[in-house]
Amino acid sequence: MAGMQFVVSGDSMAARNFVLGVFQQQQWRVELKGDWAATAEHGSKTASYVGGAFAGKSGRHVILNIAVSVDPQGNTVIGLSEGASGFSGGLIGVSQARDVYQAIYDNIGAALSAAGIYVAHFKV
């Protein structure tokens, strides 16, 4: 399963809340699954499954699973794993999903950098 890991400095709970705020600002729905895990959803299941490729990027339903941990150096790791791939829209849907994922990765990276807590990121 594809995804991204962001390594950030500072308080883990503050970093988690910051990243969840970025998701919400970008119109993602966030559901906490305990203190250190969450699910973020974008778009509409109905539009994606009924409309297929016609759902477009704004309507493409995608899911990211979020896991927060601490690395051996004491940095916070925000792991994002892709939970839905856009297959309902064929190759166009998969491409739309890839674009939606890349946009949120770019927005999170930019927000973490602007906040001065970005350390690194890794594609997984």
C-alpha atoms as a PDB file:
ATOM      1  CA  MET A   1       0.000   0.000   0.000  1.00  0.00           C
ATOM      2  CA  ALA A   2       1.398   3.372  -1.001  1.00  0.00           C
ATOM      3  CA  GLY A   3       1.647   6.448   1.148  1.00  0.00           C
ATOM      4  CA  MET A   4       3.906   9.038   2.711  1.00  0.00           C
ATOM      5  CA  GLN A   5       5.664   9.537   6.032  1.00  0.00           C
ATOM      6  CA  PHE A   6       6.388  12.993   7.379  1.00  0.00           C
ATOM      7  CA  VAL A   7       8.988  13.391  10.114  1.00  0.00           C
ATOM      8  CA  VAL A   8       8.482  16.472  12.288  1.00  0.00           C
ATOM      9  CA  SER A   9      10.036  17.955  15.398  1.00  0.00           C
ATOM     10  CA  GLY A  10       8.280  18.985  18.583  1.00  0.00           C
ATOM     11  CA  ASP A  11       5.336  17.691  20.563  1.00  0.00           C
ATOM     12  CA  SER A  12       3.668  14.648  18.975  1.00  0.00           C
ATOM     13  CA  MET A  13       0.100  15.578  19.929  1.00  0.00           C
ATOM     14  CA  ALA A  14       0.575  19.136  18.632  1.00  0.00           C
ATOM     15  CA  ALA A  15       1.997  17.759  15.353  1.00  0.00           C
ATOM     16  CA  ARG A  16      -0.932  15.342  15.021  1.00  0.00           C
ATOM     17  CA  ASN A  17      -3.446  18.133  15.596  1.00  0.00           C
ATOM     18  CA  PHE A  18      -1.625  20.389  13.144  1.00  0.00           C
ATOM     19  CA  VAL A  19      -1.721  17.774  10.370  1.00  0.00           C
ATOM     20  CA  LEU A  20      -5.370  16.931  11.062  1.00  0.00           C
ATOM     21  CA  GLY A  21      -6.115  20.656  10.775  1.00  0.00           C
ATOM     22  CA  VAL A  22      -4.470  20.736   7.334  1.00  0.00           C
ATOM     23  CA  PHE A  23      -6.731  17.879   6.237  1.00  0.00           C
ATOM     24  CA  GLN A  24      -9.805  19.713   7.475  1.00  0.00           C
ATOM     25  CA  GLN A  25      -8.765  22.967   5.776  1.00  0.00           C
ATOM     26  CA  GLN A  26      -8.498  21.014   2.520  1.00  0.00           C
ATOM     27  CA  GLN A  27     -12.101  19.718   2.903  1.00  0.00           C
ATOM     28  CA  TRP A  28     -11.159  16.228   4.109  1.00  0.00           C
ATOM     29  CA  ARG A  29     -13.353  14.545   6.719  1.00  0.00           C
ATOM     30  CA  VAL A  30     -11.283  13.304   9.661  1.00  0.00           C
ATOM     31  CA  GLU A  31     -12.276  10.615  12.146  1.00  0.00           C
ATOM     32  CA  LEU A  32     -10.030   9.926  15.138  1.00  0.00           C
ATOM     33  CA  LYS A  33      -9.353   6.262  15.942  1.00  0.00           C
ATOM     34  CA  GLY A  34      -7.734   6.849  19.324  1.00  0.00           C
ATOM     35  CA  ASP A  35      -4.972   9.276  20.256  1.00  0.00           C
ATOM     36  CA  TRP A  36      -2.486   8.163  17.609  1.00  0.00           C
ATOM     37  CA  ALA A  37      -4.574   7.067  14.624  1.00  0.00           C
ATOM     38  CA  ALA A  38      -7.208   8.558  12.362  1.00  0.00           C
ATOM     39  CA  THR A  39      -8.852   8.166   8.988  1.00  0.00           C
ATOM     40  CA  ALA A  40      -9.241  11.015   6.508  1.00  0.00           C
ATOM     41  CA  GLU A  41     -11.690  10.843   3.596  1.00  0.00           C
ATOM     42  CA  HIS A  42     -12.080  13.066   0.577  1.00  0.00           C
ATOM     43  CA  GLY A  43     -14.842  13.178  -2.014  1.00  0.00           C
ATOM     44  CA  SER A  44     -18.007  11.146  -2.378  1.00  0.00           C
ATOM     45  CA  LYS A  45     -18.384   7.366  -2.486  1.00  0.00           C
ATOM     46  CA  THR A  46     -21.556   7.733  -4.507  1.00  0.00           C
ATOM     47  CA  ALA A  47     -20.021  10.109  -7.059  1.00  0.00           C
ATOM     48  CA  SER A  48     -16.985   7.869  -7.423  1.00  0.00           C
ATOM     49  CA  TYR A  49     -18.891   4.601  -7.818  1.00  0.00           C
ATOM     50  CA  VAL A  50     -21.821   5.844  -9.888  1.00  0.00           C
ATOM     51  CA  GLY A  51     -20.016   8.535 -11.877  1.00  0.00           C
ATOM     52  CA  GLY A  52     -16.711   6.698 -12.232  1.00  0.00           C
ATOM     53  CA  ALA A  53     -14.199   8.928 -13.982  1.00  0.00           C
ATOM     54  CA  PHE A  54     -16.829  11.682 -14.219  1.00  0.00           C
ATOM     55  CA  ALA A  55     -16.545  12.231 -10.459  1.00  0.00           C
ATOM     56  CA  GLY A  56     -13.458  14.322 -11.170  1.00  0.00           C
ATOM     57  CA  LYS A  57     -10.724  15.121  -8.674  1.00  0.00           C
ATOM     58  CA  SER A  58     -13.016  17.128  -6.409  1.00  0.00           C
ATOM     59  CA  GLY A  59     -15.522  14.275  -6.142  1.00  0.00           C
ATOM     60  CA  ARG A  60     -13.074  11.360  -6.206  1.00  0.00           C
ATOM     61  CA  HIS A  61     -13.480   9.308  -3.040  1.00  0.00           C
ATOM     62  CA  VAL A  62     -10.154   8.473  -1.423  1.00  0.00           C
ATOM     63  CA  ILE A  63      -9.103   7.439   2.069  1.00  0.00           C
ATOM     64  CA  LEU A  64      -5.884   7.987   3.975  1.00  0.00           C
ATOM     65  CA  ASN A  65      -5.124   6.098   7.166  1.00  0.00           C
ATOM     66  CA  ILE A  66      -3.103   8.211   9.587  1.00  0.00           C
ATOM     67  CA  ALA A  67      -0.759   6.774  12.218  1.00  0.00           C
ATOM     68  CA  VAL A  68       1.389   8.853  14.555  1.00  0.00           C
ATOM     69  CA  SER A  69       4.519   7.431  16.180  1.00  0.00           C
ATOM     70  CA  VAL A  70       7.917   8.524  17.464  1.00  0.00           C
ATOM     71  CA  ASP A  71      11.207   7.518  15.815  1.00  0.00           C
ATOM     72  CA  PRO A  72      14.394   6.536  17.734  1.00  0.00           C
ATOM     73  CA  GLN A  73      15.662  10.142  17.508  1.00  0.00           C
ATOM     74  CA  GLY A  74      12.535  11.422  19.262  1.00  0.00           C
ATOM     75  CA  ASN A  75      10.940  12.972  16.185  1.00  0.00           C
ATOM     76  CA  THR A  76       7.256  12.506  15.439  1.00  0.00           C
ATOM     77  CA  VAL A  77       6.409  10.408  12.390  1.00  0.00           C
ATOM     78  CA  ILE A  78       3.064  11.060  10.700  1.00  0.00           C
ATOM     79  CA  GLY A  79       2.378   8.016   8.525  1.00  0.00           C
ATOM     80  CA  LEU A  80      -0.214   8.319   5.764  1.00  0.00           C
ATOM     81  CA  SER A  81      -1.248   5.124   3.971  1.00  0.00           C
ATOM     82  CA  GLU A  82      -3.605   5.159   1.029  1.00  0.00           C
ATOM     83  CA  GLY A  83      -6.773   3.201   1.705  1.00  0.00           C
ATOM     84  CA  ALA A  84      -8.670   3.639  -1.576  1.00  0.00           C
ATOM     85  CA  SER A  85      -7.226   3.927  -5.038  1.00  0.00           C
ATOM     86  CA  GLY A  86      -9.964   5.241  -7.351  1.00  0.00           C
ATOM     87  CA  PHE A  87     -10.393   1.977  -9.268  1.00  0.00           C
ATOM     88  CA  SER A  88     -14.099   2.717  -9.778  1.00  0.00           C
ATOM     89  CA  GLY A  89     -13.136   5.235 -12.436  1.00  0.00           C
ATOM     90  CA  GLY A  90     -10.749   2.969 -14.332  1.00  0.00           C
ATOM     91  CA  LEU A  91      -7.405   4.430 -15.344  1.00  0.00           C
ATOM     92  CA  ILE A  92      -8.810   7.955 -15.194  1.00  0.00           C
ATOM     93  CA  GLY A  93     -10.111   7.352 -11.650  1.00  0.00           C
ATOM     94  CA  VAL A  94      -6.758   5.972 -10.541  1.00  0.00           C
ATOM     95  CA  SER A  95      -5.038   9.033 -12.015  1.00  0.00           C
ATOM     96  CA  GLN A  96      -7.522  11.342 -10.287  1.00  0.00           C
ATOM     97  CA  ALA A  97      -6.922   9.570  -6.951  1.00  0.00           C
ATOM     98  CA  ARG A  98      -3.154   9.864  -7.424  1.00  0.00           C
ATOM     99  CA  ASP A  99      -3.563  13.612  -8.038  1.00  0.00           C
ATOM    100  CA  VAL A 100      -5.737  14.014  -4.909  1.00  0.00           C
ATOM    101  CA  TYR A 101      -3.180  12.153  -2.794  1.00  0.00           C
ATOM    102  CA  GLN A 102      -0.276  14.170  -4.209  1.00  0.00           C
ATOM    103  CA  ALA A 103      -2.104  17.447  -3.560  1.00  0.00           C
ATOM    104  CA  ILE A 104      -2.653  16.641   0.137  1.00  0.00           C
ATOM    105  CA  TYR A 105       0.951  15.430   0.510  1.00  0.00           C
ATOM    106  CA  ASP A 106       2.187  18.690  -1.030  1.00  0.00           C
ATOM    107  CA  ASN A 107      -0.126  20.778   1.181  1.00  0.00           C
ATOM    108  CA  ILE A 108       0.922  18.970   4.355  1.00  0.00           C
ATOM    109  CA  GLY A 109       4.616  19.299   3.486  1.00  0.00           C
ATOM    110  CA  ALA A 110       4.229  23.013   2.761  1.00  0.00           C
ATOM    111  CA  ALA A 111       2.276  23.618   5.976  1.00  0.00           C
ATOM    112  CA  LEU A 112       4.817  21.713   8.093  1.00  0.00           C
ATOM    113  CA  SER A 113       7.661  23.670   6.472  1.00  0.00           C
ATOM    114  CA  ALA A 114       5.886  26.988   7.051  1.00  0.00           C
ATOM    115  CA  ALA A 115       5.341  26.019  10.702  1.00  0.00           C
ATOM    116  CA  GLY A 116       9.072  25.324  11.077  1.00  0.00           C
ATOM    117  CA  ILE A 117       8.606  21.723  12.258  1.00  0.00           C
ATOM    118  CA  TYR A 118       9.319  19.800   9.025  1.00  0.00           C
ATOM    119  CA  VAL A 119      12.311  17.450   9.253  1.00  0.00           C
ATOM    120  CA  ALA A 120      11.875  15.054   6.277  1.00  0.00           C
ATOM    121  CA  HIS A 121       9.416  12.986   4.299  1.00  0.00           C
ATOM    122  CA  PHE A 122       9.578   9.532   2.756  1.00  0.00           C
ATOM    123  CA  LYS A 123       7.405   7.851   0.164  1.00  0.00           C
ATOM    124  CA  VAL A 124       6.291   4.422   1.364  1.00  0.00           C
END
